[in-house]
All heavy atoms as atom14 arrays in JSON, in Angstrom:
{
  "sequence": "AIVRETKGELPEIIIEGELDKMIAGFKGDIERMGLKVDEYLKNN",
  "atom14_mask": [
    [1, 1, 1, 1, 1, 0, 0, 0, 0, 0, 0, 0, 0, 0],
    [1, 1, 1, 1, 1, 1, 1, 1, 0, 0, 0, 0, 0, 0],
    [1, 1, 1, 1, 1, 1, 1, 0, 0, 0, 0, 0, 0, 0],
    [1, 1, 1, 1, 1, 1, 1, 1, 1, 1, 1, 0, 0, 0],
    [1, 1, 1, 1, 1, 1, 1, 1, 1, 0, 0, 0, 0, 0],
    [1, 1, 1, 1, 1, 1, 1, 0, 0, 0, 0, 0, 0, 0],
    [1, 1, 1, 1, 1, 1, 1, 1, 1, 0, 0, 0, 0, 0],
    [1, 1, 1, 1, 0, 0, 0, 0, 0, 0, 0, 0, 0, 0],
    [1, 1, 1, 1, 1, 1, 1, 1, 1, 0, 0, 0, 0, 0],
    [1, 1, 1, 1, 1, 1, 1, 1, 0, 0, 0, 0, 0, 0],
    [1, 1, 1, 1, 1, 1, 1, 0, 0, 0, 0, 0, 0, 0],
    [1, 1, 1, 1, 1, 1, 1, 1, 1, 0, 0, 0, 0, 0],
    [1, 1, 1, 1, 1, 1, 1, 1, 0, 0, 0, 0, 0, 0],
    [1, 1, 1, 1, 1, 1, 1, 1, 0, 0, 0, 0, 0, 0],
    [1, 1, 1, 1, 1, 1, 1, 1, 0, 0, 0, 0, 0, 0],
    [1, 1, 1, 1, 1, 1, 1, 1, 1, 0, 0, 0, 0, 0],
    [1, 1, 1, 1, 0, 0, 0, 0, 0, 0, 0, 0, 0, 0],
    [1, 1, 1, 1, 1, 1, 1, 1, 1, 0, 0, 0, 0, 0],
    [1, 1, 1, 1, 1, 1, 1, 1, 0, 0, 0, 0, 0, 0],
    [1, 1, 1, 1, 1, 1, 1, 1, 0, 0, 0, 0, 0, 0],
    [1, 1, 1, 1, 1, 1, 1, 1, 1, 0, 0, 0, 0, 0],
    [1, 1, 1, 1, 1, 1, 1, 1, 0, 0, 0, 0, 0, 0],
    [1, 1, 1, 1, 1, 1, 1, 1, 0, 0, 0, 0, 0, 0],
    [1, 1, 1, 1, 1, 0, 0, 0, 0, 0, 0, 0, 0, 0],
    [1, 1, 1, 1, 0, 0, 0, 0, 0, 0, 0, 0, 0, 0],
    [1, 1, 1, 1, 1, 1, 1, 1, 1, 1, 1, 0, 0, 0],
    [1, 1, 1, 1, 1, 1, 1, 1, 1, 0, 0, 0, 0, 0],
    [1, 1, 1, 1, 0, 0, 0, 0, 0, 0, 0, 0, 0, 0],
    [1, 1, 1, 1, 1, 1, 1, 1, 0, 0, 0, 0, 0, 0],
    [1, 1, 1, 1, 1, 1, 1, 1, 0, 0, 0, 0, 0, 0],
    [1, 1, 1, 1, 1, 1, 1, 1, 1, 0, 0, 0, 0, 0],
    [1, 1, 1, 1, 1, 1, 1, 1, 1, 1, 1, 0, 0, 0],
    [1, 1, 1, 1, 1, 1, 1, 1, 0, 0, 0, 0, 0, 0],
    [1, 1, 1, 1, 0, 0, 0, 0, 0, 0, 0, 0, 0, 0],
    [1, 1, 1, 1, 1, 1, 1, 1, 0, 0, 0, 0, 0, 0],
    [1, 1, 1, 1, 1, 1, 1, 1, 1, 0, 0, 0, 0, 0],
    [1, 1, 1, 1, 1, 1, 1, 0, 0, 0, 0, 0, 0, 0],
    [1, 1, 1, 1, 1, 1, 1, 1, 0, 0, 0, 0, 0, 0],
    [1, 1, 1, 1, 1, 1, 1, 1, 1, 0, 0, 0, 0, 0],
    [1, 1, 1, 1, 1, 1, 1, 1, 1, 1, 1, 1, 0, 0],
    [1, 1, 1, 1, 1, 1, 1, 1, 0, 0, 0, 0, 0, 0],
    [1, 1, 1, 1, 1, 1, 1, 1, 1, 0, 0, 0, 0, 0],
    [1, 1, 1, 1, 1, 1, 1, 1, 0, 0, 0, 0, 0, 0],
    [1, 1, 1, 1, 1, 1, 1, 1, 0, 0, 0, 0, 0, 0]
  ],
  "atom14_positions": [
    [[-63.39, -96.42, 0.87], [-62.83, -96.66, -0.5], [-63.93, -97.26, -1.31], [-64.06, -96.9, -2.54], [-61.56, -97.49, -0.49], [0.0, 0.0, 0.0], [0.0, 0.0, 0.0], [0.0, 0.0, 0.0], [0.0, 0.0, 0.0], [0.0, 0.0, 0.0], [0.0, 0.0, 0.0], [0.0, 0.0, 0.0], [0.0, 0.0, 0.0], [0.0, 0.0, 0.0]],
    [[-64.66, -98.24, -0.79], [-65.67, -98.84, -1.62], [-66.85, -97.9, -1.99], [-67.29, -97.87, -3.07], [-66.24, -100.09, -0.89], [-65.2, -101.12, -0.67], [-67.42, -100.67, -1.63], [-65.66, -102.32, 0.23], [0.0, 0.0, 0.0], [0.0, 0.0, 0.0], [0.0, 0.0, 0.0], [0.0, 0.0, 0.0], [0.0, 0.0, 0.0], [0.0, 0.0, 0.0]],
    [[-67.19, -97.1, -0.9], [-68.23, -96.15, -1.19], [-67.86, -95.04, -2.24], [-68.57, -94.69, -3.14], [-68.62, -95.38, 0.11], [-69.5, -94.15, -0.16], [-69.36, -96.31, 1.07], [0.0, 0.0, 0.0], [0.0, 0.0, 0.0], [0.0, 0.0, 0.0], [0.0, 0.0, 0.0], [0.0, 0.0, 0.0], [0.0, 0.0, 0.0], [0.0, 0.0, 0.0]],
    [[-66.61, -94.64, -2.14], [-66.01, -93.6, -3.05], [-66.06, -94.12, -4.43], [-66.27, -93.35, -5.42], [-64.61, -93.26, -2.58], [-64.01, -92.15, -3.37], [-62.76, -91.61, -2.65], [-61.76, -92.64, -2.39], [-61.4, -93.14, -1.27], [-62.01, -92.65, -0.16], [-60.52, -94.01, -1.12], [0.0, 0.0, 0.0], [0.0, 0.0, 0.0], [0.0, 0.0, 0.0]],
    [[-65.7, -95.38, -4.67], [-65.57, -95.96, -6.06], [-66.92, -96.62, -6.57], [-66.95, -97.05, -7.69], [-64.44, -96.95, -6.08], [-63.07, -96.31, -5.79], [-61.94, -97.3, -5.93], [-62.08, -98.26, -6.8], [-60.98, -97.21, -5.19], [0.0, 0.0, 0.0], [0.0, 0.0, 0.0], [0.0, 0.0, 0.0], [0.0, 0.0, 0.0], [0.0, 0.0, 0.0]],
    [[-67.97, -96.66, -5.7], [-69.2, -97.26, -6.1], [-70.01, -96.26, -6.92], [-70.14, -95.02, -6.61], [-70.01, -97.69, -4.9], [-69.44, -98.72, -4.2], [-71.42, -98.13, -5.29], [0.0, 0.0, 0.0], [0.0, 0.0, 0.0], [0.0, 0.0, 0.0], [0.0, 0.0, 0.0], [0.0, 0.0, 0.0], [0.0, 0.0, 0.0], [0.0, 0.0, 0.0]],
    [[-70.49, -96.65, -8.08], [-71.26, -95.79, -8.99], [-72.75, -96.07, -8.7], [-73.17, -97.18, -8.65], [-70.88, -95.99, -10.42], [-69.44, -95.63, -10.7], [-69.09, -95.9, -12.17], [-67.74, -95.35, -12.52], [-66.67, -96.02, -11.81], [0.0, 0.0, 0.0], [0.0, 0.0, 0.0], [0.0, 0.0, 0.0], [0.0, 0.0, 0.0], [0.0, 0.0, 0.0]],
    [[-73.53, -94.99, -8.74], [-75.02, -95.14, -8.57], [-75.62, -94.09, -7.63], [-74.86, -93.67, -6.72], [0.0, 0.0, 0.0], [0.0, 0.0, 0.0], [0.0, 0.0, 0.0], [0.0, 0.0, 0.0], [0.0, 0.0, 0.0], [0.0, 0.0, 0.0], [0.0, 0.0, 0.0], [0.0, 0.0, 0.0], [0.0, 0.0, 0.0], [0.0, 0.0, 0.0]],
    [[-76.74, -93.63, -7.95], [-77.41, -92.58, -7.12], [-78.39, -93.2, -6.2], [-79.03, -94.24, -6.46], [-78.09, -91.58, -8.02], [-77.21, -90.73, -8.86], [-77.96, -89.65, -9.63], [-78.82, -90.03, -10.4], [-77.62, -88.45, -9.43], [0.0, 0.0, 0.0], [0.0, 0.0, 0.0], [0.0, 0.0, 0.0], [0.0, 0.0, 0.0], [0.0, 0.0, 0.0]],
    [[-78.57, -92.56, -5.03], [-79.51, -93.0, -3.99], [-80.79, -92.21, -4.16], [-80.73, -90.97, -4.46], [-79.02, -92.82, -2.62], [-77.82, -93.6, -2.2], [-77.57, -93.47, -0.69], [-77.93, -95.05, -2.57], [0.0, 0.0, 0.0], [0.0, 0.0, 0.0], [0.0, 0.0, 0.0], [0.0, 0.0, 0.0], [0.0, 0.0, 0.0], [0.0, 0.0, 0.0]],
    [[-81.99, -92.86, -4.02], [-83.21, -92.11, -3.96], [-83.3, -91.22, -2.75], [-82.7, -91.58, -1.68], [-84.26, -93.18, -3.97], [-83.59, -94.35, -3.44], [-82.21, -94.2, -3.86], [0.0, 0.0, 0.0], [0.0, 0.0, 0.0], [0.0, 0.0, 0.0], [0.0, 0.0, 0.0], [0.0, 0.0, 0.0], [0.0, 0.0, 0.0], [0.0, 0.0, 0.0]],
    [[-83.97, -90.16, -2.82], [-84.08, -89.17, -1.74], [-84.62, -89.83, -0.44], [-84.2, -89.5, 0.62], [-84.98, -88.01, -2.11], [-84.36, -86.96, -3.08], [-83.19, -86.33, -2.4], [-83.36, -85.96, -1.21], [-82.14, -86.17, -3.15], [0.0, 0.0, 0.0], [0.0, 0.0, 0.0], [0.0, 0.0, 0.0], [0.0, 0.0, 0.0], [0.0, 0.0, 0.0]],
    [[-85.52, -90.79, -0.58], [-86.18, -91.43, 0.57], [-85.05, -92.1, 1.47], [-85.2, -92.08, 2.71], [-87.26, -92.42, 0.19], [-88.02, -92.82, 1.4], [-86.77, -93.62, -0.52], [-89.33, -93.5, 1.17], [0.0, 0.0, 0.0], [0.0, 0.0, 0.0], [0.0, 0.0, 0.0], [0.0, 0.0, 0.0], [0.0, 0.0, 0.0], [0.0, 0.0, 0.0]],
    [[-84.06, -92.65, 0.9], [-83.07, -93.36, 1.71], [-82.19, -92.28, 2.41], [-81.92, -92.41, 3.59], [-82.12, -94.25, 0.77], [-82.92, -95.44, 0.33], [-80.94, -94.64, 1.53], [-82.15, -96.43, -0.58], [0.0, 0.0, 0.0], [0.0, 0.0, 0.0], [0.0, 0.0, 0.0], [0.0, 0.0, 0.0], [0.0, 0.0, 0.0], [0.0, 0.0, 0.0]],
    [[-81.85, -91.24, 1.65], [-81.06, -90.17, 2.34], [-81.79, -89.5, 3.43], [-81.3, -89.24, 4.54], [-80.65, -89.1, 1.31], [-79.83, -89.77, 0.17], [-79.81, -88.0, 1.98], [-79.43, -88.82, -0.98], [0.0, 0.0, 0.0], [0.0, 0.0, 0.0], [0.0, 0.0, 0.0], [0.0, 0.0, 0.0], [0.0, 0.0, 0.0], [0.0, 0.0, 0.0]],
    [[-83.1, -89.19, 3.16], [-83.95, -88.55, 4.23], [-84.15, -89.46, 5.38], [-84.17, -89.08, 6.55], [-85.28, -88.18, 3.59], [-85.26, -87.04, 2.68], [-84.75, -85.76, 3.28], [-85.21, -85.41, 4.38], [-84.0, -84.98, 2.62], [0.0, 0.0, 0.0], [0.0, 0.0, 0.0], [0.0, 0.0, 0.0], [0.0, 0.0, 0.0], [0.0, 0.0, 0.0]],
    [[-84.23, -90.79, 5.11], [-84.35, -91.71, 6.24], [-83.14, -91.76, 7.14], [-83.25, -91.82, 8.3], [0.0, 0.0, 0.0], [0.0, 0.0, 0.0], [0.0, 0.0, 0.0], [0.0, 0.0, 0.0], [0.0, 0.0, 0.0], [0.0, 0.0, 0.0], [0.0, 0.0, 0.0], [0.0, 0.0, 0.0], [0.0, 0.0, 0.0], [0.0, 0.0, 0.0]],
    [[-81.93, -91.74, 6.48], [-80.72, -91.71, 7.31], [-80.66, -90.38, 8.06], [-80.19, -90.4, 9.22], [-79.53, -91.82, 6.37], [-79.28, -93.16, 5.79], [-79.11, -94.24, 6.85], [-78.46, -93.96, 7.87], [-79.52, -95.4, 6.61], [0.0, 0.0, 0.0], [0.0, 0.0, 0.0], [0.0, 0.0, 0.0], [0.0, 0.0, 0.0], [0.0, 0.0, 0.0]],
    [[-81.07, -89.28, 7.46], [-81.0, -87.98, 8.17], [-81.93, -88.05, 9.4], [-81.66, -87.51, 10.44], [-81.46, -86.81, 7.28], [-80.41, -86.32, 6.33], [-80.94, -85.4, 5.29], [-79.27, -85.6, 7.12], [0.0, 0.0, 0.0], [0.0, 0.0, 0.0], [0.0, 0.0, 0.0], [0.0, 0.0, 0.0], [0.0, 0.0, 0.0], [0.0, 0.0, 0.0]],
    [[-83.12, -88.71, 9.25], [-84.06, -88.82, 10.38], [-83.36, -89.55, 11.52], [-83.59, -89.17, 12.67], [-85.37, -89.62, 9.91], [-86.18, -88.73, 8.98], [-86.06, -87.53, 8.97], [-87.05, -89.34, 8.29], [0.0, 0.0, 0.0], [0.0, 0.0, 0.0], [0.0, 0.0, 0.0], [0.0, 0.0, 0.0], [0.0, 0.0, 0.0], [0.0, 0.0, 0.0]],
    [[-82.71, -90.62, 11.23], [-81.96, -91.43, 12.25], [-80.93, -90.57, 12.92], [-80.78, -90.67, 14.15], [-81.33, -92.68, 11.61], [-82.26, -93.74, 11.04], [-81.52, -94.84, 10.45], [-82.45, -95.83, 9.64], [-81.67, -96.86, 8.91], [0.0, 0.0, 0.0], [0.0, 0.0, 0.0], [0.0, 0.0, 0.0], [0.0, 0.0, 0.0], [0.0, 0.0, 0.0]],
    [[-80.18, -89.82, 12.12], [-79.09, -89.02, 12.67], [-79.67, -87.92, 13.6], [-79.16, -87.68, 14.67], [-78.28, -88.39, 11.55], [-77.45, -89.44, 10.82], [-76.77, -88.75, 9.26], [-75.47, -87.65, 9.9], [0.0, 0.0, 0.0], [0.0, 0.0, 0.0], [0.0, 0.0, 0.0], [0.0, 0.0, 0.0], [0.0, 0.0, 0.0], [0.0, 0.0, 0.0]],
    [[-80.79, -87.29, 13.21], [-81.43, -86.21, 14.04], [-81.97, -86.88, 15.28], [-81.79, -86.24, 16.38], [-82.5, -85.55, 13.26], [-81.89, -84.67, 12.02], [-83.27, -84.61, 14.12], [-81.02, -83.62, 12.45], [0.0, 0.0, 0.0], [0.0, 0.0, 0.0], [0.0, 0.0, 0.0], [0.0, 0.0, 0.0], [0.0, 0.0, 0.0], [0.0, 0.0, 0.0]],
    [[-82.59, -88.04, 15.2], [-83.2, -88.7, 16.32], [-82.03, -89.07, 17.36], [-82.11, -88.88, 18.55], [-83.94, -89.96, 15.92], [0.0, 0.0, 0.0], [0.0, 0.0, 0.0], [0.0, 0.0, 0.0], [0.0, 0.0, 0.0], [0.0, 0.0, 0.0], [0.0, 0.0, 0.0], [0.0, 0.0, 0.0], [0.0, 0.0, 0.0], [0.0, 0.0, 0.0]],
    [[-80.94, -89.55, 16.85], [-79.78, -89.92, 17.65], [-79.15, -88.66, 18.39], [-78.83, -88.7, 19.59], [0.0, 0.0, 0.0], [0.0, 0.0, 0.0], [0.0, 0.0, 0.0], [0.0, 0.0, 0.0], [0.0, 0.0, 0.0], [0.0, 0.0, 0.0], [0.0, 0.0, 0.0], [0.0, 0.0, 0.0], [0.0, 0.0, 0.0], [0.0, 0.0, 0.0]],
    [[-79.06, -87.52, 17.54], [-78.52, -86.35, 18.14], [-79.46, -85.84, 19.32], [-78.96, -85.44, 20.31], [-78.5, -85.27, 17.01], [-78.47, -83.87, 17.5], [-77.22, -83.36, 17.93], [-79.5, -82.98, 17.41], [-77.16, -82.05, 18.39], [-79.45, -81.69, 17.89], [-78.23, -81.25, 18.34], [0.0, 0.0, 0.0], [0.0, 0.0, 0.0], [0.0, 0.0, 0.0]],
    [[-80.79, -85.89, 19.08], [-81.76, -85.45, 20.11], [-81.64, -86.24, 21.34], [-81.68, -85.79, 22.49], [-83.1, -85.36, 19.55], [-83.39, -84.27, 18.56], [-84.83, -84.32, 18.03], [-85.15, -83.16, 17.08], [-86.53, -83.22, 16.57], [0.0, 0.0, 0.0], [0.0, 0.0, 0.0], [0.0, 0.0, 0.0], [0.0, 0.0, 0.0], [0.0, 0.0, 0.0]],
    [[-81.52, -87.58, 21.12], [-81.39, -88.49, 22.27], [-80.14, -88.24, 23.07], [-80.25, -88.25, 24.33], [0.0, 0.0, 0.0], [0.0, 0.0, 0.0], [0.0, 0.0, 0.0], [0.0, 0.0, 0.0], [0.0, 0.0, 0.0], [0.0, 0.0, 0.0], [0.0, 0.0, 0.0], [0.0, 0.0, 0.0], [0.0, 0.0, 0.0], [0.0, 0.0, 0.0]],
    [[-79.05, -87.96, 22.41], [-77.76, -87.63, 23.06], [-77.87, -86.39, 23.92], [-77.41, -86.32, 25.09], [-76.64, -87.44, 22.11], [-76.25, -88.76, 21.36], [-76.61, -89.89, 21.91], [-75.62, -88.78, 20.32], [0.0, 0.0, 0.0], [0.0, 0.0, 0.0], [0.0, 0.0, 0.0], [0.0, 0.0, 0.0], [0.0, 0.0, 0.0], [0.0, 0.0, 0.0]],
    [[-78.5, -85.4, 23.32], [-78.68, -84.04, 24.04], [-79.55, -84.31, 25.33], [-79.27, -83.77, 26.35], [-79.36, -83.06, 23.13], [-78.38, -82.76, 21.93], [-79.58, -81.69, 23.93], [-76.97, -82.17, 22.39], [0.0, 0.0, 0.0], [0.0, 0.0, 0.0], [0.0, 0.0, 0.0], [0.0, 0.0, 0.0], [0.0, 0.0, 0.0], [0.0, 0.0, 0.0]],
    [[-80.66, -85.01, 25.18], [-81.55, -85.23, 26.34], [-80.92, -86.11, 27.38], [-81.16, -85.84, 28.53], [-82.84, -85.89, 25.79], [-83.72, -84.87, 24.96], [-84.9, -85.63, 24.26], [-84.91, -86.93, 24.27], [-85.66, -84.98, 23.6], [0.0, 0.0, 0.0], [0.0, 0.0, 0.0], [0.0, 0.0, 0.0], [0.0, 0.0, 0.0], [0.0, 0.0, 0.0]],
    [[-80.06, -87.03, 27.01], [-79.34, -87.84, 28.0], [-78.36, -87.06, 28.83], [-77.98, -87.41, 29.91], [-78.67, -89.03, 27.35], [-79.59, -90.25, 27.03], [-78.88, -91.44, 26.56], [-78.31, -91.29, 25.24], [-78.97, -91.56, 24.15], [-80.27, -92.03, 24.22], [-78.36, -91.35, 22.96], [0.0, 0.0, 0.0], [0.0, 0.0, 0.0], [0.0, 0.0, 0.0]],
    [[-77.98, -85.93, 28.23], [-77.03, -85.02, 28.97], [-77.84, -84.12, 29.9], [-77.25, -83.3, 30.59], [-76.32, -84.2, 27.96], [-75.25, -84.95, 27.13], [-74.65, -83.97, 25.66], [-73.96, -82.61, 26.47], [0.0, 0.0, 0.0], [0.0, 0.0, 0.0], [0.0, 0.0, 0.0], [0.0, 0.0, 0.0], [0.0, 0.0, 0.0], [0.0, 0.0, 0.0]],
    [[-79.17, -84.27, 29.91], [-80.0, -83.42, 30.76], [-80.32, -82.06, 30.22], [-80.75, -81.14, 30.9], [0.0, 0.0, 0.0], [0.0, 0.0, 0.0], [0.0, 0.0, 0.0], [0.0, 0.0, 0.0], [0.0, 0.0, 0.0], [0.0, 0.0, 0.0], [0.0, 0.0, 0.0], [0.0, 0.0, 0.0], [0.0, 0.0, 0.0], [0.0, 0.0, 0.0]],
    [[-80.11, -81.92, 28.9], [-80.37, -80.62, 28.25], [-81.6, -80.68, 27.4], [-82.1, -81.71, 26.99], [-79.16, -80.19, 27.37], [-77.81, -80.13, 28.08], [-76.69, -79.94, 27.02], [-77.79, -79.11, 29.11], [0.0, 0.0, 0.0], [0.0, 0.0, 0.0], [0.0, 0.0, 0.0], [0.0, 0.0, 0.0], [0.0, 0.0, 0.0], [0.0, 0.0, 0.0]],
    [[-82.16, -79.52, 27.04], [-83.26, -79.43, 26.17], [-82.85, -79.15, 24.76], [-82.01, -78.25, 24.51], [-84.3, -78.35, 26.58], [-84.93, -78.66, 27.93], [-85.98, -77.54, 28.31], [-86.66, -77.92, 29.7], [-87.66, -76.91, 30.0], [0.0, 0.0, 0.0], [0.0, 0.0, 0.0], [0.0, 0.0, 0.0], [0.0, 0.0, 0.0], [0.0, 0.0, 0.0]],
    [[-83.35, -79.93, 23.83], [-82.84, -79.8, 22.44], [-83.08, -78.4, 21.9], [-82.03, -77.87, 21.28], [-83.54, -80.82, 21.56], [-83.13, -80.66, 20.11], [-83.26, -82.27, 21.97], [0.0, 0.0, 0.0], [0.0, 0.0, 0.0], [0.0, 0.0, 0.0], [0.0, 0.0, 0.0], [0.0, 0.0, 0.0], [0.0, 0.0, 0.0], [0.0, 0.0, 0.0]],
    [[-84.25, -77.77, 22.07], [-84.46, -76.51, 21.48], [-83.43, -75.42, 22.1], [-82.95, -74.58, 21.38], [-85.9, -76.02, 21.81], [-86.92, -76.9, 21.05], [-86.51, -77.48, 20.06], [-88.12, -76.85, 21.42], [0.0, 0.0, 0.0], [0.0, 0.0, 0.0], [0.0, 0.0, 0.0], [0.0, 0.0, 0.0], [0.0, 0.0, 0.0], [0.0, 0.0, 0.0]],
    [[-83.25, -75.52, 23.4], [-82.33, -74.59, 24.04], [-80.89, -74.83, 23.53], [-80.16, -73.81, 23.33], [-82.38, -74.71, 25.51], [-83.68, -74.19, 26.17], [-83.73, -74.3, 27.67], [-82.69, -74.71, 28.2], [-84.75, -74.0, 28.26], [0.0, 0.0, 0.0], [0.0, 0.0, 0.0], [0.0, 0.0, 0.0], [0.0, 0.0, 0.0], [0.0, 0.0, 0.0]],
    [[-80.48, -76.02, 23.42], [-79.17, -76.35, 22.89], [-78.87, -75.85, 21.54], [-77.89, -75.21, 21.27], [-78.96, -77.94, 22.96], [-77.62, -78.32, 22.42], [-76.46, -78.36, 23.3], [-77.39, -78.62, 21.15], [-75.23, -78.85, 22.83], [-76.13, -79.03, 20.65], [-75.07, -79.11, 21.54], [-73.84, -79.46, 21.08], [0.0, 0.0, 0.0], [0.0, 0.0, 0.0]],
    [[-79.94, -76.03, 20.64], [-79.8, -75.53, 19.29], [-79.75, -73.97, 19.24], [-78.96, -73.4, 18.51], [-80.94, -75.96, 18.42], [-81.0, -77.53, 18.1], [-82.35, -77.88, 17.48], [-79.85, -77.88, 17.12], [0.0, 0.0, 0.0], [0.0, 0.0, 0.0], [0.0, 0.0, 0.0], [0.0, 0.0, 0.0], [0.0, 0.0, 0.0], [0.0, 0.0, 0.0]],
    [[-80.56, -73.37, 20.06], [-80.59, -71.89, 20.1], [-79.23, -71.33, 20.6], [-78.78, -70.37, 20.02], [-81.72, -71.44, 21.0], [-81.9, -69.89, 21.02], [-83.05, -69.51, 21.97], [-83.27, -68.04, 22.02], [-84.37, -67.63, 22.9], [0.0, 0.0, 0.0], [0.0, 0.0, 0.0], [0.0, 0.0, 0.0], [0.0, 0.0, 0.0], [0.0, 0.0, 0.0]],
    [[-78.71, -72.0, 21.63], [-77.45, -71.53, 22.12], [-76.28, -71.68, 21.16], [-75.28, -70.97, 21.26], [-77.12, -72.3, 23.5], [-78.01, -71.86, 24.56], [-78.64, -70.77, 24.6], [-78.17, -72.77, 25.56], [0.0, 0.0, 0.0], [0.0, 0.0, 0.0], [0.0, 0.0, 0.0], [0.0, 0.0, 0.0], [0.0, 0.0, 0.0], [0.0, 0.0, 0.0]],
    [[-76.4, -72.64, 20.26], [-75.39, -72.92, 19.2], [-75.74, -72.32, 17.9], [-75.08, -72.64, 16.84], [-75.13, -74.4, 19.11], [-74.37, -74.92, 20.3], [-73.17, -74.88, 20.27], [-75.11, -75.51, 21.27], [0.0, 0.0, 0.0], [0.0, 0.0, 0.0], [0.0, 0.0, 0.0], [0.0, 0.0, 0.0], [0.0, 0.0, 0.0], [0.0, 0.0, 0.0]]
  ]
}
């Protein structure tokens, strides 16, 4: 609710930084499952 009602734009560098963290976390989860990231992405 606070985010929805907050006014103001974010600079691209903050959004890109969050995306980097999300991608890194995603890759880490896939590798901990014993899978290869490239193969997982290709299969999906």
